[in-house]
Protein backbone atom coordinates (compact mmCIF):
# COMPACT_ATOMS: atom_id res chain seq x y z
CA MET A 1 -71.17 -55.98 -52.32
CA LYS A 2 -71.10 -54.16 -48.71
CA MET A 3 -68.36 -56.95 -47.83
CA TYR A 4 -65.86 -55.03 -50.77
CA SER A 5 -67.30 -51.49 -49.20
CA HIS A 6 -65.94 -52.63 -45.88
CA ILE A 7 -62.78 -53.81 -47.41
CA TYR A 8 -62.25 -50.64 -49.29
CA LEU A 9 -63.05 -48.51 -46.38
CA THR A 10 -60.01 -50.28 -44.47
CA GLY A 11 -58.08 -49.85 -47.32
CA ILE A 12 -58.23 -46.05 -47.35
CA CYS A 13 -58.15 -46.12 -43.34
CA ILE A 14 -54.94 -48.12 -43.28
CA PHE A 15 -53.40 -45.63 -46.24
CA ALA A 16 -54.41 -42.63 -44.31
CA LEU A 17 -52.64 -43.49 -40.95
CA THR A 18 -49.70 -44.65 -42.53
CA PHE A 19 -49.11 -41.00 -43.42
CA VAL A 20 -50.47 -39.84 -40.61
CA GLY A 21 -48.08 -41.15 -38.26
CA CYS A 22 -47.79 -40.73 -34.33
CA THR A 23 -49.21 -37.28 -34.05
CA SER A 24 -51.85 -36.31 -31.54
CA LYS A 25 -52.49 -33.97 -28.59
CA ARG A 26 -49.99 -36.16 -27.31
CA GLY A 27 -47.14 -34.91 -29.63
CA SER A 28 -45.23 -36.91 -32.11
CA PHE A 29 -42.41 -39.11 -31.60
CA THR A 30 -40.50 -40.85 -34.71
CA PHE A 31 -36.95 -42.71 -35.03
CA GLU A 32 -35.23 -45.06 -37.20
CA VAL A 33 -33.27 -48.12 -36.57
CA ASN A 34 -30.00 -48.55 -38.99
CA GLY A 35 -31.91 -46.22 -41.47
CA VAL A 36 -35.68 -48.25 -41.36
CA ALA A 37 -38.11 -46.47 -39.88
CA ALA A 38 -39.92 -47.79 -37.05
CA ASP A 39 -43.57 -48.28 -36.62
CA VAL A 40 -43.74 -46.17 -33.37
CA SER A 41 -46.72 -47.08 -31.07
CA PRO A 42 -48.67 -44.08 -29.64
CA ASP A 43 -47.84 -44.68 -25.99
CA PHE A 44 -44.46 -43.28 -25.84
CA GLU A 45 -43.84 -40.46 -23.38
CA ALA A 46 -41.53 -38.26 -20.92
CA GLU A 47 -40.99 -37.54 -17.25
CA TYR A 48 -38.91 -34.91 -15.82
CA ASP A 49 -37.90 -35.12 -11.92
CA GLY A 50 -36.74 -31.71 -11.79
CA ASP A 51 -33.09 -32.73 -12.83
CA LYS A 52 -33.49 -35.82 -15.35
CA LEU A 53 -35.82 -36.01 -18.10
CA THR A 54 -36.39 -39.42 -19.37
CA ILE A 55 -38.26 -39.98 -22.71
CA SER A 56 -39.11 -43.66 -24.20
CA ALA A 57 -40.94 -45.01 -27.19
CA SER A 58 -41.92 -48.53 -27.98
CA ARG A 59 -42.23 -50.18 -31.49
CA ALA A 60 -44.28 -52.94 -32.59
CA PHE A 61 -42.75 -53.90 -36.34
CA PRO A 62 -40.45 -55.68 -37.45
CA ASN A 63 -40.12 -56.82 -33.79
CA LEU A 64 -40.65 -55.42 -30.21
CA SER A 65 -38.28 -53.37 -29.23
CA HIS A 66 -38.03 -49.97 -26.72
CA LEU A 67 -35.98 -46.44 -26.90
CA SER A 68 -35.07 -44.80 -23.92
CA ILE A 69 -32.88 -41.45 -23.68
CA PHE A 70 -31.90 -40.16 -20.28
CA ILE A 71 -30.73 -36.26 -20.25
CA PHE A 72 -29.90 -34.19 -17.08
CA THR A 73 -31.16 -30.77 -18.23
CA ASN A 74 -33.23 -27.84 -17.16
CA GLY A 75 -33.88 -26.32 -20.96
CA PRO A 76 -32.80 -26.40 -24.54
CA GLY A 77 -29.52 -27.62 -25.34
CA THR A 78 -27.22 -30.20 -26.88
CA TYR A 79 -26.24 -32.93 -24.85
CA THR A 80 -23.68 -35.98 -25.09
CA VAL A 81 -25.47 -39.29 -24.32
CA ALA A 82 -22.64 -42.03 -23.72
CA GLU A 83 -21.23 -44.04 -20.68
CA HIS A 84 -23.31 -46.10 -18.21
CA THR A 85 -21.86 -46.43 -14.48
CA PHE A 86 -24.22 -48.89 -12.21
CA ILE A 87 -26.71 -51.76 -12.72
CA TYR A 88 -30.73 -51.11 -11.94
CA ASN A 89 -33.36 -53.88 -12.19
CA ASN A 90 -30.83 -55.88 -14.87
CA HIS A 91 -29.83 -52.99 -17.10
CA GLU A 92 -26.92 -50.28 -16.89
CA HIS A 93 -27.99 -46.90 -15.50
CA SER A 94 -26.00 -43.61 -15.66
CA LYS A 95 -25.57 -42.26 -12.04
CA GLY A 96 -24.43 -38.82 -13.19
CA GLY A 97 -24.38 -38.51 -16.94
CA ASN A 98 -26.80 -38.85 -19.90
CA GLU A 99 -27.53 -42.36 -21.76
CA ALA A 100 -29.58 -43.98 -24.46
CA TRP A 101 -30.13 -47.50 -24.91
CA TYR A 102 -32.31 -49.72 -27.14
CA ASN A 103 -33.94 -53.30 -26.15
CA VAL A 104 -35.32 -55.56 -28.78
CA THR A 105 -37.42 -57.95 -26.63
CA GLY A 106 -37.20 -61.89 -27.63
CA ASP A 107 -40.54 -62.89 -26.61
CA GLN A 108 -42.72 -59.93 -26.22
CA TYR A 109 -44.68 -62.21 -23.31
CA THR A 110 -41.55 -63.15 -21.13
CA GLY A 111 -38.83 -60.84 -22.45
CA ALA A 112 -36.50 -64.06 -23.12
CA ASN A 113 -33.61 -63.87 -25.62
CA SER A 114 -33.98 -59.99 -25.38
CA ILE A 115 -30.94 -58.06 -26.47
CA LEU A 116 -29.96 -54.77 -24.85
CA TYR A 117 -27.87 -52.12 -27.02
CA SER A 118 -26.34 -49.09 -25.56
CA THR A 119 -24.31 -46.20 -25.71
CA ASN A 120 -20.73 -46.17 -24.11
CA ARG A 121 -17.43 -44.40 -24.05
CA ASP A 122 -16.95 -45.54 -27.91
CA ASN A 123 -20.49 -45.47 -29.17
CA THR A 124 -22.37 -42.06 -28.36
CA GLY A 125 -24.53 -39.73 -29.72
CA THR A 126 -26.21 -36.11 -29.26
CA VAL A 127 -29.58 -35.05 -28.04
CA ILE A 128 -30.90 -31.43 -28.96
CA ILE A 129 -33.92 -30.49 -26.95
CA THR A 130 -35.15 -27.39 -28.78
CA LEU A 131 -38.03 -27.14 -26.76
CA PHE A 132 -38.31 -27.64 -23.05
CA ASP A 133 -41.63 -26.01 -21.89
CA GLU A 134 -42.45 -25.85 -18.44
CA GLU A 135 -45.31 -23.98 -18.17
CA ASP A 136 -47.05 -26.49 -20.86
CA LYS A 137 -44.96 -29.30 -19.93
CA LYS A 138 -43.96 -29.83 -23.32
CA VAL A 139 -40.61 -30.98 -24.70
CA SER A 140 -39.12 -30.71 -28.52
CA GLY A 141 -35.76 -32.75 -30.22
CA THR A 142 -34.22 -34.55 -32.10
CA PHE A 143 -31.45 -37.70 -31.25
CA GLU A 144 -29.02 -39.68 -33.07
CA PHE A 145 -26.57 -41.97 -31.44
CA LYS A 146 -24.70 -45.51 -31.81
CA ALA A 147 -25.42 -48.27 -29.30
CA ILE A 148 -23.64 -51.43 -29.11
CA GLN A 149 -24.92 -54.92 -27.73
CA LYS A 150 -24.15 -55.23 -23.87
CA LYS A 151 -23.11 -58.76 -22.51
CA GLY A 152 -20.41 -59.48 -25.37
CA GLY A 153 -21.89 -59.39 -28.32
CA SER A 154 -20.63 -56.90 -31.17
CA GLY A 155 -23.74 -55.61 -32.91
CA VAL A 156 -24.43 -51.82 -33.50
CA MET A 157 -27.54 -50.30 -34.01
CA ASN A 158 -27.80 -46.48 -35.21
CA LEU A 159 -30.94 -44.78 -33.90
CA LYS A 160 -31.74 -41.37 -34.89
CA GLY A 161 -35.46 -39.31 -34.62
CA SER A 162 -37.29 -36.55 -33.69
CA PHE A 163 -39.73 -35.47 -31.04
CA GLU A 164 -42.28 -32.96 -30.79
CA ASP A 165 -44.34 -31.53 -28.25
CA VAL A 166 -44.59 -34.39 -26.10
CA PRO A 167 -46.06 -33.78 -22.95
CA TYR A 168 -44.04 -34.84 -20.03
CA LYS A 169 -45.13 -35.75 -16.28
CA GLN A 170 -43.32 -34.15 -13.64
CA LYS A 171 -42.13 -36.72 -10.85
């Protein structure tokens, strides 16, 4: 009988967590890929270096992947994400502009067969920063962008989501 009560209690916990989502003192982060909600890991983060804000999150299901947004900002506003201009650590990064990318990891241990999707001149999007609290070091906003598969691919990912009261680290 005790075994069934553990199963029942586990079922209730899973049901509750499904509706609670990723909310905590760390804020919340939600996004979807091609209209399908991502199972966001609770280790999402933000960093700010006095010029550039980096917001990133991972998802574990149905495959391991990582979303990153890079915005040159110092406050609330609407920002376009678009083109890449240089390569660093085998990934293209923007030297002077805003960008976003989504990396689907092939092998979760080695990173082999990973597919990188990124914004570019023809596949753009918008990030709206609604809160940029320098005193409490928190950021909130929404995003929506289209990213195309890099390195000769033709696949396109549509991503959209929001982040609320996410603490950022000052670099």
